[in-house]
Amino acid sequence: FFAAIVVEVLVDRARRGSAYRLGCAVSDLQVGIASQVVEL
């Protein structure tokens, strides 16, 4: 998953896209981590 995210970010940047905003991506990952902890 993380490798796919890195590839997607690199391709998006190379195409000068806007699929990633740092704040949103960090928030997505924080929510994902919190959900994994609670779901244990």
Full PDB file with SEQRES, HELIX, SHEET, SSBOND, CRYST1, ORIGX, SCALE, CONECT and MASTER records, all heavy atoms in Angstrom:
SEQRES   1 A   40  PHE PHE ALA ALA ILE VAL VAL GLU VAL LEU VAL ASP ARG          
SEQRES   2 A   40  ALA ARG ARG GLY SER ALA TYR ARG LEU GLY CYS ALA VAL          
SEQRES   3 A   40  SER ASP LEU GLN VAL GLY ILE ALA SER GLN VAL VAL GLU          
SEQRES   4 A   40  LEU                                                          
HELIX    1 AA1 PHE A    2  ALA A   14  1                                  13    
HELIX    2 AA2 LEU A   22  GLU A   39  1                                  18    
CRYST1    1.000    1.000    1.000  90.00  90.00  90.00 P 1           1          
ORIGX1      1.000000  0.000000  0.000000        0.00000                         
ORIGX2      0.000000  1.000000  0.000000        0.00000                         
ORIGX3      0.000000  0.000000  1.000000        0.00000                         
SCALE1      1.000000  0.000000  0.000000        0.00000                         
SCALE2      0.000000  1.000000  0.000000        0.00000                         
SCALE3      0.000000  0.000000  1.000000        0.00000                         
ATOM      1  N   PHE A   1       0.836  -1.205   0.000  1.00  0.00           N  
ATOM      2  CA  PHE A   1       0.000   0.000   0.000  1.00  0.00           C  
ATOM      3  C   PHE A   1       0.872   1.258   0.000  1.00  0.00           C  
ATOM      4  O   PHE A   1       0.649   2.185  -0.775  1.00  0.00           O  
ATOM      5  CB  PHE A   1      -0.923   0.038   1.226  1.00  0.00           C  
ATOM      6  CG  PHE A   1      -1.989  -1.023   1.265  1.00  0.00           C  
ATOM      7  CD1 PHE A   1      -2.650  -1.285   2.452  1.00  0.00           C  
ATOM      8  CD2 PHE A   1      -2.347  -1.749   0.145  1.00  0.00           C  
ATOM      9  CE1 PHE A   1      -3.647  -2.241   2.517  1.00  0.00           C  
ATOM     10  CE2 PHE A   1      -3.338  -2.714   0.198  1.00  0.00           C  
ATOM     11  CZ  PHE A   1      -3.991  -2.953   1.389  1.00  0.00           C  
ATOM     12  N   PHE A   2       1.863   1.291   0.891  1.00  0.00           N  
ATOM     13  CA  PHE A   2       2.721   2.473   0.968  1.00  0.00           C  
ATOM     14  C   PHE A   2       3.540   2.649  -0.302  1.00  0.00           C  
ATOM     15  O   PHE A   2       3.732   3.777  -0.764  1.00  0.00           O  
ATOM     16  CB  PHE A   2       3.607   2.433   2.217  1.00  0.00           C  
ATOM     17  CG  PHE A   2       2.876   2.857   3.461  1.00  0.00           C  
ATOM     18  CD1 PHE A   2       2.489   1.932   4.409  1.00  0.00           C  
ATOM     19  CD2 PHE A   2       2.550   4.193   3.659  1.00  0.00           C  
ATOM     20  CE1 PHE A   2       1.791   2.327   5.543  1.00  0.00           C  
ATOM     21  CE2 PHE A   2       1.848   4.591   4.788  1.00  0.00           C  
ATOM     22  CZ  PHE A   2       1.475   3.657   5.739  1.00  0.00           C  
ATOM     23  N   ALA A   3       3.997   1.556  -0.889  1.00  0.00           N  
ATOM     24  CA  ALA A   3       4.733   1.643  -2.158  1.00  0.00           C  
ATOM     25  C   ALA A   3       3.825   2.203  -3.251  1.00  0.00           C  
ATOM     26  O   ALA A   3       4.252   3.057  -4.045  1.00  0.00           O  
ATOM     27  CB  ALA A   3       5.275   0.268  -2.559  1.00  0.00           C  
ATOM     28  N   ALA A   4       2.569   1.759  -3.288  1.00  0.00           N  
ATOM     29  CA  ALA A   4       1.615   2.262  -4.283  1.00  0.00           C  
ATOM     30  C   ALA A   4       1.353   3.751  -4.076  1.00  0.00           C  
ATOM     31  O   ALA A   4       1.240   4.506  -5.043  1.00  0.00           O  
ATOM     32  CB  ALA A   4       0.310   1.475  -4.217  1.00  0.00           C  
ATOM     33  N   ILE A   5       1.279   4.178  -2.813  1.00  0.00           N  
ATOM     34  CA  ILE A   5       1.078   5.602  -2.525  1.00  0.00           C  
ATOM     35  C   ILE A   5       2.269   6.410  -3.025  1.00  0.00           C  
ATOM     36  O   ILE A   5       2.098   7.451  -3.667  1.00  0.00           O  
ATOM     37  CB  ILE A   5       0.837   5.833  -1.015  1.00  0.00           C  
ATOM     38  CG1 ILE A   5      -0.544   5.272  -0.616  1.00  0.00           C  
ATOM     39  CG2 ILE A   5       0.950   7.307  -0.647  1.00  0.00           C  
ATOM     40  CD1 ILE A   5      -0.789   5.220   0.887  1.00  0.00           C  
ATOM     41  N   VAL A   6       3.474   5.935  -2.770  1.00  0.00           N  
ATOM     42  CA  VAL A   6       4.683   6.641  -3.221  1.00  0.00           C  
ATOM     43  C   VAL A   6       4.704   6.737  -4.748  1.00  0.00           C  
ATOM     44  O   VAL A   6       4.949   7.808  -5.306  1.00  0.00           O  
ATOM     45  CB  VAL A   6       5.962   5.951  -2.690  1.00  0.00           C  
ATOM     46  CG1 VAL A   6       7.201   6.497  -3.371  1.00  0.00           C  
ATOM     47  CG2 VAL A   6       6.059   6.119  -1.175  1.00  0.00           C  
ATOM     48  N   VAL A   7       4.409   5.624  -5.428  1.00  0.00           N  
ATOM     49  CA  VAL A   7       4.378   5.634  -6.899  1.00  0.00           C  
ATOM     50  C   VAL A   7       3.311   6.609  -7.393  1.00  0.00           C  
ATOM     51  O   VAL A   7       3.559   7.405  -8.310  1.00  0.00           O  
ATOM     52  CB  VAL A   7       4.141   4.217  -7.469  1.00  0.00           C  
ATOM     53  CG1 VAL A   7       3.823   4.261  -8.952  1.00  0.00           C  
ATOM     54  CG2 VAL A   7       5.350   3.333  -7.195  1.00  0.00           C  
ATOM     55  N   GLU A   8       2.131   6.573  -6.775  1.00  0.00           N  
ATOM     56  CA  GLU A   8       1.047   7.469  -7.189  1.00  0.00           C  
ATOM     57  C   GLU A   8       1.454   8.930  -6.994  1.00  0.00           C  
ATOM     58  O   GLU A   8       1.193   9.773  -7.861  1.00  0.00           O  
ATOM     59  CB  GLU A   8      -0.233   7.149  -6.406  1.00  0.00           C  
ATOM     60  CG  GLU A   8      -1.446   7.917  -6.907  1.00  0.00           C  
ATOM     61  CD  GLU A   8      -2.702   7.595  -6.132  1.00  0.00           C  
ATOM     62  OE1 GLU A   8      -2.658   7.509  -4.880  1.00  0.00           O  
ATOM     63  OE2 GLU A   8      -3.755   7.437  -6.788  1.00  0.00           O  
ATOM     64  N   VAL A   9       2.103   9.248  -5.878  1.00  0.00           N  
ATOM     65  CA  VAL A   9       2.556  10.620  -5.623  1.00  0.00           C  
ATOM     66  C   VAL A   9       3.577  11.042  -6.678  1.00  0.00           C  
ATOM     67  O   VAL A   9       3.485  12.138  -7.252  1.00  0.00           O  
ATOM     68  CB  VAL A   9       3.162  10.753  -4.203  1.00  0.00           C  
ATOM     69  CG1 VAL A   9       3.930  12.069  -4.055  1.00  0.00           C  
ATOM     70  CG2 VAL A   9       2.091  10.647  -3.147  1.00  0.00           C  
ATOM     71  N   LEU A  10       4.550  10.174  -6.961  1.00  0.00           N  
ATOM     72  CA  LEU A  10       5.599  10.510  -7.935  1.00  0.00           C  
ATOM     73  C   LEU A  10       5.026  10.714  -9.337  1.00  0.00           C  
ATOM     74  O   LEU A  10       5.384  11.677 -10.029  1.00  0.00           O  
ATOM     75  CB  LEU A  10       6.675   9.424  -7.947  1.00  0.00           C  
ATOM     76  CG  LEU A  10       7.502   9.304  -6.660  1.00  0.00           C  
ATOM     77  CD1 LEU A  10       8.431   8.107  -6.738  1.00  0.00           C  
ATOM     78  CD2 LEU A  10       8.270  10.593  -6.379  1.00  0.00           C  
ATOM     79  N   VAL A  11       4.121   9.836  -9.751  1.00  0.00           N  
ATOM     80  CA  VAL A  11       3.506   9.973 -11.070  1.00  0.00           C  
ATOM     81  C   VAL A  11       2.645  11.239 -11.115  1.00  0.00           C  
ATOM     82  O   VAL A  11       2.668  11.979 -12.096  1.00  0.00           O  
ATOM     83  CB  VAL A  11       2.681   8.715 -11.437  1.00  0.00           C  
ATOM     84  CG1 VAL A  11       1.839   8.947 -12.682  1.00  0.00           C  
ATOM     85  CG2 VAL A  11       3.606   7.513 -11.619  1.00  0.00           C  
ATOM     86  N   ASP A  12       1.903  11.485 -10.038  1.00  0.00           N  
ATOM     87  CA  ASP A  12       1.062  12.683  -9.977  1.00  0.00           C  
ATOM     88  C   ASP A  12       1.919  13.943 -10.074  1.00  0.00           C  
ATOM     89  O   ASP A  12       1.570  14.872 -10.803  1.00  0.00           O  
ATOM     90  CB  ASP A  12       0.246  12.680  -8.682  1.00  0.00           C  
ATOM     91  CG  ASP A  12      -0.727  13.841  -8.618  1.00  0.00           C  
ATOM     92  OD1 ASP A  12      -1.617  13.920  -9.496  1.00  0.00           O  
ATOM     93  OD2 ASP A  12      -0.604  14.674  -7.691  1.00  0.00           O  
ATOM     94  N   ARG A  13       3.038  13.970  -9.369  1.00  0.00           N  
ATOM     95  CA  ARG A  13       3.936  15.134  -9.419  1.00  0.00           C  
ATOM     96  C   ARG A  13       4.533  15.283 -10.820  1.00  0.00           C  
ATOM     97  O   ARG A  13       4.631  16.394 -11.338  1.00  0.00           O  
ATOM     98  CB  ARG A  13       5.059  15.016  -8.382  1.00  0.00           C  
ATOM     99  CG  ARG A  13       4.594  15.092  -6.954  1.00  0.00           C  
ATOM    100  CD  ARG A  13       4.111  16.496  -6.606  1.00  0.00           C  
ATOM    101  NE  ARG A  13       3.676  16.542  -5.223  1.00  0.00           N  
ATOM    102  CZ  ARG A  13       2.425  16.740  -4.844  1.00  0.00           C  
ATOM    103  NH1 ARG A  13       1.474  16.921  -5.716  1.00  0.00           N  
ATOM    104  NH2 ARG A  13       2.106  16.762  -3.573  1.00  0.00           N  
ATOM    105  N   ALA A  14       4.944  14.178 -11.435  1.00  0.00           N  
ATOM    106  CA  ALA A  14       5.533  14.226 -12.779  1.00  0.00           C  
ATOM    107  C   ALA A  14       4.526  14.757 -13.794  1.00  0.00           C  
ATOM    108  O   ALA A  14       4.900  15.459 -14.737  1.00  0.00           O  
ATOM    109  CB  ALA A  14       6.022  12.840 -13.194  1.00  0.00           C  
ATOM    110  N   ARG A  15       3.262  14.445 -13.604  1.00  0.00           N  
ATOM    111  CA  ARG A  15       2.205  14.923 -14.505  1.00  0.00           C  
ATOM    112  C   ARG A  15       1.679  16.289 -14.096  1.00  0.00           C  
ATOM    113  O   ARG A  15       0.726  16.795 -14.688  1.00  0.00           O  
ATOM    114  CB  ARG A  15       1.042  13.929 -14.512  1.00  0.00           C  
ATOM    115  CG  ARG A  15       1.373  12.611 -15.147  1.00  0.00           C  
ATOM    116  CD  ARG A  15       0.161  11.713 -15.123  1.00  0.00           C  
ATOM    117  NE  ARG A  15       0.444  10.448 -15.771  1.00  0.00           N  
ATOM    118  CZ  ARG A  15      -0.373   9.406 -15.770  1.00  0.00           C  
ATOM    119  NH1 ARG A  15      -1.536   9.489 -15.156  1.00  0.00           N  
ATOM    120  NH2 ARG A  15      -0.025   8.306 -16.373  1.00  0.00           N  
ATOM    121  N   ARG A  16       2.256  16.838 -13.037  1.00  0.00           N  
ATOM    122  CA  ARG A  16       1.816  18.113 -12.477  1.00  0.00           C  
ATOM    123  C   ARG A  16       0.335  18.072 -12.083  1.00  0.00           C  
ATOM    124  O   ARG A  16      -0.414  19.032 -12.270  1.00  0.00           O  
ATOM    125  CB  ARG A  16       2.093  19.264 -13.434  1.00  0.00           C  
ATOM    126  CG  ARG A  16       3.541  19.378 -13.823  1.00  0.00           C  
ATOM    127  CD  ARG A  16       3.879  20.774 -14.278  1.00  0.00           C  
ATOM    128  NE  ARG A  16       5.194  20.915 -14.849  1.00  0.00           N  
ATOM    129  CZ  ARG A  16       6.345  20.803 -14.193  1.00  0.00           C  
ATOM    130  NH1 ARG A  16       6.349  20.506 -12.933  1.00  0.00           N  
ATOM    131  NH2 ARG A  16       7.496  20.972 -14.797  1.00  0.00           N  
ATOM    132  N   GLY A  17      -0.050  16.925 -11.530  1.00  0.00           N  
ATOM    133  CA  GLY A  17      -1.434  16.733 -11.101  1.00  0.00           C  
ATOM    134  C   GLY A  17      -1.698  17.323  -9.731  1.00  0.00           C  
ATOM    135  O   GLY A  17      -0.827  17.963  -9.126  1.00  0.00           O  
ATOM    136  N   SER A  18      -2.901  17.079  -9.263  1.00  0.00           N  
ATOM    137  CA  SER A  18      -3.284  17.602  -7.947  1.00  0.00           C  
ATOM    138  C   SER A  18      -3.988  16.530  -7.115  1.00  0.00           C  
ATOM    139  O   SER A  18      -4.865  16.837  -6.328  1.00  0.00           O  
ATOM    140  CB  SER A  18      -4.195  18.813  -8.115  1.00  0.00           C  
ATOM    141  OG  SER A  18      -5.367  18.430  -8.824  1.00  0.00           O  
ATOM    142  N   ALA A  19      -3.598  15.271  -7.322  1.00  0.00           N  
ATOM    143  CA  ALA A  19      -4.254  14.175  -6.601  1.00  0.00           C  
ATOM    144  C   ALA A  19      -3.837  14.127  -5.131  1.00  0.00           C  
ATOM    145  O   ALA A  19      -4.520  13.509  -4.323  1.00  0.00           O  
ATOM    146  CB  ALA A  19      -3.950  12.836  -7.273  1.00  0.00           C  
ATOM    147  N   TYR A  20      -2.711  14.761  -4.795  1.00  0.00           N  
ATOM    148  CA  TYR A  20      -2.223  14.714  -3.413  1.00  0.00           C  
ATOM    149  C   TYR A  20      -1.967  16.109  -2.886  1.00  0.00           C  
ATOM    150  O   TYR A  20      -1.300  16.923  -3.518  1.00  0.00           O  
ATOM    151  CB  TYR A  20      -0.917  13.914  -3.319  1.00  0.00           C  
ATOM    152  CG  TYR A  20      -1.143  12.439  -3.183  1.00  0.00           C  
ATOM    153  CD1 TYR A  20      -1.245  11.642  -4.312  1.00  0.00           C  
ATOM    154  CD2 TYR A  20      -1.287  11.837  -1.941  1.00  0.00           C  
ATOM    155  CE1 TYR A  20      -1.463  10.282  -4.209  1.00  0.00           C  
ATOM    156  CE2 TYR A  20      -1.501  10.477  -1.822  1.00  0.00           C  
ATOM    157  CZ  TYR A  20      -1.592   9.708  -2.954  1.00  0.00           C  
ATOM    158  OH  TYR A  20      -1.813   8.368  -2.846  1.00  0.00           O  
ATOM    159  N   ARG A  21      -2.500  16.346  -1.709  1.00  0.00           N  
ATOM    160  CA  ARG A  21      -2.153  17.524  -0.916  1.00  0.00           C  
ATOM    161  C   ARG A  21      -1.596  16.981   0.386  1.00  0.00           C  
ATOM    162  O   ARG A  21      -2.196  16.085   0.982  1.00  0.00           O  
ATOM    163  CB  ARG A  21      -3.375  18.390  -0.670  1.00  0.00           C  
ATOM    164  CG  ARG A  21      -3.760  19.170  -1.928  1.00  0.00           C  
ATOM    165  CD  ARG A  21      -4.993  19.942  -1.682  1.00  0.00           C  
ATOM    166  NE  ARG A  21      -6.080  19.006  -2.006  1.00  0.00           N  
ATOM    167  CZ  ARG A  21      -7.287  19.396  -2.337  1.00  0.00           C  
ATOM    168  NH1 ARG A  21      -7.587  20.652  -2.356  1.00  0.00           N  
ATOM    169  NH2 ARG A  21      -8.207  18.516  -2.644  1.00  0.00           N  
ATOM    170  N   LEU A  22      -0.478  17.479   0.804  1.00  0.00           N  
ATOM    171  CA  LEU A  22       0.226  16.939   1.958  1.00  0.00           C  
ATOM    172  C   LEU A  22      -0.669  16.856   3.196  1.00  0.00           C  
ATOM    173  O   LEU A  22      -0.727  15.829   3.860  1.00  0.00           O  
ATOM    174  CB  LEU A  22       1.486  17.756   2.254  1.00  0.00           C  
ATOM    175  CG  LEU A  22       2.318  17.254   3.436  1.00  0.00           C  
ATOM    176  CD1 LEU A  22       2.823  15.842   3.167  1.00  0.00           C  
ATOM    177  CD2 LEU A  22       3.461  18.196   3.716  1.00  0.00           C  
ATOM    178  N   GLY A  23      -1.370  17.933   3.501  1.00  0.00           N  
ATOM    179  CA  GLY A  23      -2.226  17.952   4.693  1.00  0.00           C  
ATOM    180  C   GLY A  23      -3.294  16.876   4.662  1.00  0.00           C  
ATOM    181  O   GLY A  23      -3.528  16.179   5.661  1.00  0.00           O  
ATOM    182  N   CYS A  24      -3.935  16.723   3.510  1.00  0.00           N  
ATOM    183  CA  CYS A  24      -4.979  15.694   3.375  1.00  0.00           C  
ATOM    184  C   CYS A  24      -4.385  14.295   3.490  1.00  0.00           C  
ATOM    185  O   CYS A  24      -4.952  13.431   4.165  1.00  0.00           O  
ATOM    186  CB  CYS A  24      -5.703  15.832   2.040  1.00  0.00           C  
ATOM    187  SG  CYS A  24      -6.820  17.224   1.960  1.00  0.00           S  
ATOM    188  N   ALA A  25      -3.256  14.061   2.842  1.00  0.00           N  
ATOM    189  CA  ALA A  25      -2.633  12.734   2.875  1.00  0.00           C  
ATOM    190  C   ALA A  25      -2.201  12.378   4.300  1.00  0.00           C  
ATOM    191  O   ALA A  25      -2.415  11.251   4.754  1.00  0.00           O  
ATOM    192  CB  ALA A  25      -1.448  12.680   1.922  1.00  0.00           C  
ATOM    193  N   VAL A  26      -1.630  13.321   5.015  1.00  0.00           N  
ATOM    194  CA  VAL A  26      -1.222  13.069   6.403  1.00  0.00           C  
ATOM    195  C   VAL A  26      -2.454  12.780   7.254  1.00  0.00           C  
ATOM    196  O   VAL A  26      -2.454  11.860   8.078  1.00  0.00           O  
ATOM    197  CB  VAL A  26      -0.409  14.261   6.959  1.00  0.00           C  
ATOM    198  CG1 VAL A  26      -0.224  14.153   8.467  1.00  0.00           C  
ATOM    199  CG2 VAL A  26       0.940  14.350   6.264  1.00  0.00           C  
ATOM    200  N   SER A  27      -3.514  13.552   7.059  1.00  0.00           N  
ATOM    201  CA  SER A  27      -4.759  13.313   7.793  1.00  0.00           C  
ATOM    202  C   SER A  27      -5.323  11.919   7.490  1.00  0.00           C  
ATOM    203  O   SER A  27      -5.759  11.207   8.394  1.00  0.00           O  
ATOM    204  CB  SER A  27      -5.787  14.389   7.430  1.00  0.00           C  
ATOM    205  OG  SER A  27      -7.018  14.123   8.045  1.00  0.00           O  
ATOM    206  N   ASP A  28      -5.295  11.530   6.206  1.00  0.00           N  
ATOM    207  CA  ASP A  28      -5.767  10.192   5.827  1.00  0.00           C  
ATOM    208  C   ASP A  28      -4.991   9.115   6.564  1.00  0.00           C  
ATOM    209  O   ASP A  28      -5.573   8.155   7.096  1.00  0.00           O  
ATOM    210  CB  ASP A  28      -5.613   9.970   4.316  1.00  0.00           C  
ATOM    211  CG  ASP A  28      -6.503  10.884   3.492  1.00  0.00           C  
ATOM    212  OD1 ASP A  28      -7.481  11.421   4.031  1.00  0.00           O  
ATOM    213  OD2 ASP A  28      -6.195  11.062   2.294  1.00  0.00           O  
ATOM    214  N   LEU A  29      -3.680   9.259   6.606  1.00  0.00           N  
ATOM    215  CA  LEU A  29      -2.831   8.266   7.271  1.00  0.00           C  
ATOM    216  C   LEU A  29      -3.054   8.269   8.780  1.00  0.00           C  
ATOM    217  O   LEU A  29      -3.083   7.207   9.409  1.00  0.00           O  
ATOM    218  CB  LEU A  29      -1.366   8.512   6.935  1.00  0.00           C  
ATOM    219  CG  LEU A  29      -1.009   8.337   5.457  1.00  0.00           C  
ATOM    220  CD1 LEU A  29       0.447   8.704   5.205  1.00  0.00           C  
ATOM    221  CD2 LEU A  29      -1.303   6.936   4.971  1.00  0.00           C  
ATOM    222  N   GLN A  30      -3.249   9.437   9.381  1.00  0.00           N  
ATOM    223  CA  GLN A  30      -3.511   9.504  10.823  1.00  0.00           C  
ATOM    224  C   GLN A  30      -4.822   8.811  11.177  1.00  0.00           C  
ATOM    225  O   GLN A  30      -4.892   8.070  12.152  1.00  0.00           O  
ATOM    226  CB  GLN A  30      -3.557  10.958  11.296  1.00  0.00           C  
ATOM    227  CG  GLN A  30      -2.209  11.623  11.322  1.00  0.00           C  
ATOM    228  CD  GLN A  30      -2.301  13.107  11.628  1.00  0.00           C  
ATOM    229  OE1 GLN A  30      -3.290  13.772  11.332  1.00  0.00           O  
ATOM    230  NE2 GLN A  30      -1.245  13.637  12.227  1.00  0.00           N  
ATOM    231  N   VAL A  31      -5.853   9.036  10.381  1.00  0.00           N  
ATOM    232  CA  VAL A  31      -7.137   8.382  10.619  1.00  0.00           C  
ATOM    233  C   VAL A  31      -6.984   6.864  10.459  1.00  0.00           C  
ATOM    234  O   VAL A  31      -7.523   6.089  11.243  1.00  0.00           O  
ATOM    235  CB  VAL A  31      -8.236   8.931   9.676  1.00  0.00           C  
ATOM    236  CG1 VAL A  31      -9.495   8.091   9.746  1.00  0.00           C  
ATOM    237  CG2 VAL A  31      -8.552  10.376  10.028  1.00  0.00           C  
ATOM    238  N   GLY A  32      -6.218   6.453   9.451  1.00  0.00           N  
ATOM    239  CA  GLY A  32      -5.982   5.030   9.237  1.00  0.00           C  
ATOM    240  C   GLY A  32      -5.271   4.377  10.408  1.00  0.00           C  
ATOM    241  O   GLY A  32      -5.632   3.281  10.842  1.00  0.00           O  
ATOM    242  N   ILE A  33      -4.272   5.053  10.952  1.00  0.00           N  
ATOM    243  CA  ILE A  33      -3.543   4.526  12.102  1.00  0.00           C  
ATOM    244  C   ILE A  33      -4.468   4.439  13.313  1.00  0.00           C  
ATOM    245  O   ILE A  33      -4.496   3.420  14.015  1.00  0.00           O  
ATOM    246  CB  ILE A  33      -2.301   5.390  12.402  1.00  0.00           C  
ATOM    247  CG1 ILE A  33      -1.259   5.202  11.294  1.00  0.00           C  
ATOM    248  CG2 ILE A  33      -1.711   5.051  13.769  1.00  0.00           C  
ATOM    249  CD1 ILE A  33      -0.141   6.239  11.315  1.00  0.00           C  
ATOM    250  N   ALA A  34      -5.231   5.499  13.557  1.00  0.00           N  
ATOM    251  CA  ALA A  34      -6.165   5.489  14.692  1.00  0.00           C  
ATOM    252  C   ALA A  34      -7.180   4.366  14.558  1.00  0.00           C  
ATOM    253  O   ALA A  34      -7.486   3.665  15.533  1.00  0.00           O  
ATOM    254  CB  ALA A  34      -6.876   6.839  14.796  1.00  0.00           C  
ATOM    255  N   SER A  35      -7.683   4.162  13.350  1.00  0.00           N  
ATOM    256  CA  SER A  35      -8.677   3.105  13.164  1.00  0.00           C  
ATOM    257  C   SER A  35      -8.071   1.728  13.415  1.00  0.00           C  
ATOM    258  O   SER A  35      -8.708   0.859  13.986  1.00  0.00           O  
ATOM    259  CB  SER A  35      -9.319   3.189  11.775  1.00  0.00           C  
ATOM    260  OG  SER A  35      -8.771   2.294  10.874  1.00  0.00           O  
ATOM    261  N   GLN A  36      -6.810   1.525  13.014  1.00  0.00           N  
ATOM    262  CA  GLN A  36      -6.151   0.236  13.249  1.00  0.00           C  
ATOM    263  C   GLN A  36      -5.968  -0.014  14.741  1.00  0.00           C  
ATOM    264  O   GLN A  36      -6.149  -1.141  15.205  1.00  0.00           O  
ATOM    265  CB  GLN A  36      -4.807   0.179  12.524  1.00  0.00           C  
ATOM    266  CG  GLN A  36      -4.934   0.026  11.033  1.00  0.00           C  
ATOM    267  CD  GLN A  36      -5.702  -1.227  10.648  1.00  0.00           C  
ATOM    268  OE1 GLN A  36      -5.308  -2.339  10.986  1.00  0.00           O  
ATOM    269  NE2 GLN A  36      -6.814  -1.065   9.976  1.00  0.00           N  
ATOM    270  N   VAL A  37      -5.627   1.017  15.498  1.00  0.00           N  
ATOM    271  CA  VAL A  37      -5.436   0.864  16.944  1.00  0.00           C  
ATOM    272  C   VAL A  37      -6.770   0.505  17.612  1.00  0.00           C  
ATOM    273  O   VAL A  37      -6.848  -0.436  18.395  1.00  0.00           O  
ATOM    274  CB  VAL A  37      -4.831   2.149  17.555  1.00  0.00           C  
ATOM    275  CG1 VAL A  37      -4.864   2.103  19.076  1.00  0.00           C  
ATOM    276  CG2 VAL A  37      -3.417   2.354  17.046  1.00  0.00           C  
ATOM    277  N   VAL A  38      -7.823   1.238  17.285  1.00  0.00           N  
ATOM    278  CA  VAL A  38      -9.142   0.968  17.872  1.00  0.00           C  
ATOM    279  C   VAL A  38      -9.645  -0.412  17.448  1.00  0.00           C  
ATOM    280  O   VAL A  38     -10.181  -1.161  18.263  1.00  0.00           O  
ATOM    281  CB  VAL A  38     -10.148   2.074  17.466  1.00  0.00           C  
ATOM    282  CG1 VAL A  38     -11.565   1.707  17.859  1.00  0.00           C  
ATOM    283  CG2 VAL A  38      -9.756   3.400  18.094  1.00  0.00           C  
ATOM    284  N   GLU A  39      -9.425  -0.754  16.190  1.00  0.00           N  
ATOM    285  CA  GLU A  39      -9.946  -2.026  15.694  1.00  0.00           C  
ATOM    286  C   GLU A  39      -9.222  -3.238  16.265  1.00  0.00           C  
ATOM    287  O   GLU A  39      -9.743  -4.345  16.188  1.00  0.00           O  
ATOM    288  CB  GLU A  39      -9.949  -2.055  14.167  1.00  0.00           C  
ATOM    289  CG  GLU A  39     -11.087  -1.242  13.614  1.00  0.00           C  
ATOM    290  CD  GLU A  39     -11.416  -1.570  12.172  1.00  0.00           C  
ATOM    291  OE1 GLU A  39     -10.676  -2.344  11.541  1.00  0.00           O  
ATOM    292  OE2 GLU A  39     -12.426  -1.045  11.700  1.00  0.00           O  
ATOM    293  N   LEU A  40      -8.039  -3.066  16.845  1.00  0.00           N  
ATOM    294  CA  LEU A  40      -7.394  -4.184  17.523  1.00  0.00           C  
ATOM    295  C   LEU A  40      -8.341  -4.783  18.558  1.00  0.00           C  
ATOM    296  O   LEU A  40      -8.393  -5.991  18.738  1.00  0.00           O  
ATOM    297  CB  LEU A  40      -6.108  -3.721  18.219  1.00  0.00           C  
ATOM    298  CG  LEU A  40      -4.894  -3.491  17.349  1.00  0.00           C  
ATOM    299  CD1 LEU A  40      -3.773  -2.859  18.171  1.00  0.00           C  
ATOM    300  CD2 LEU A  40      -4.440  -4.775  16.688  1.00  0.00           C  
TER     301      LEU A  40                                                      
MASTER        0    0    0    2    0    0    0    6  300    1    0    4          
END                                                                             
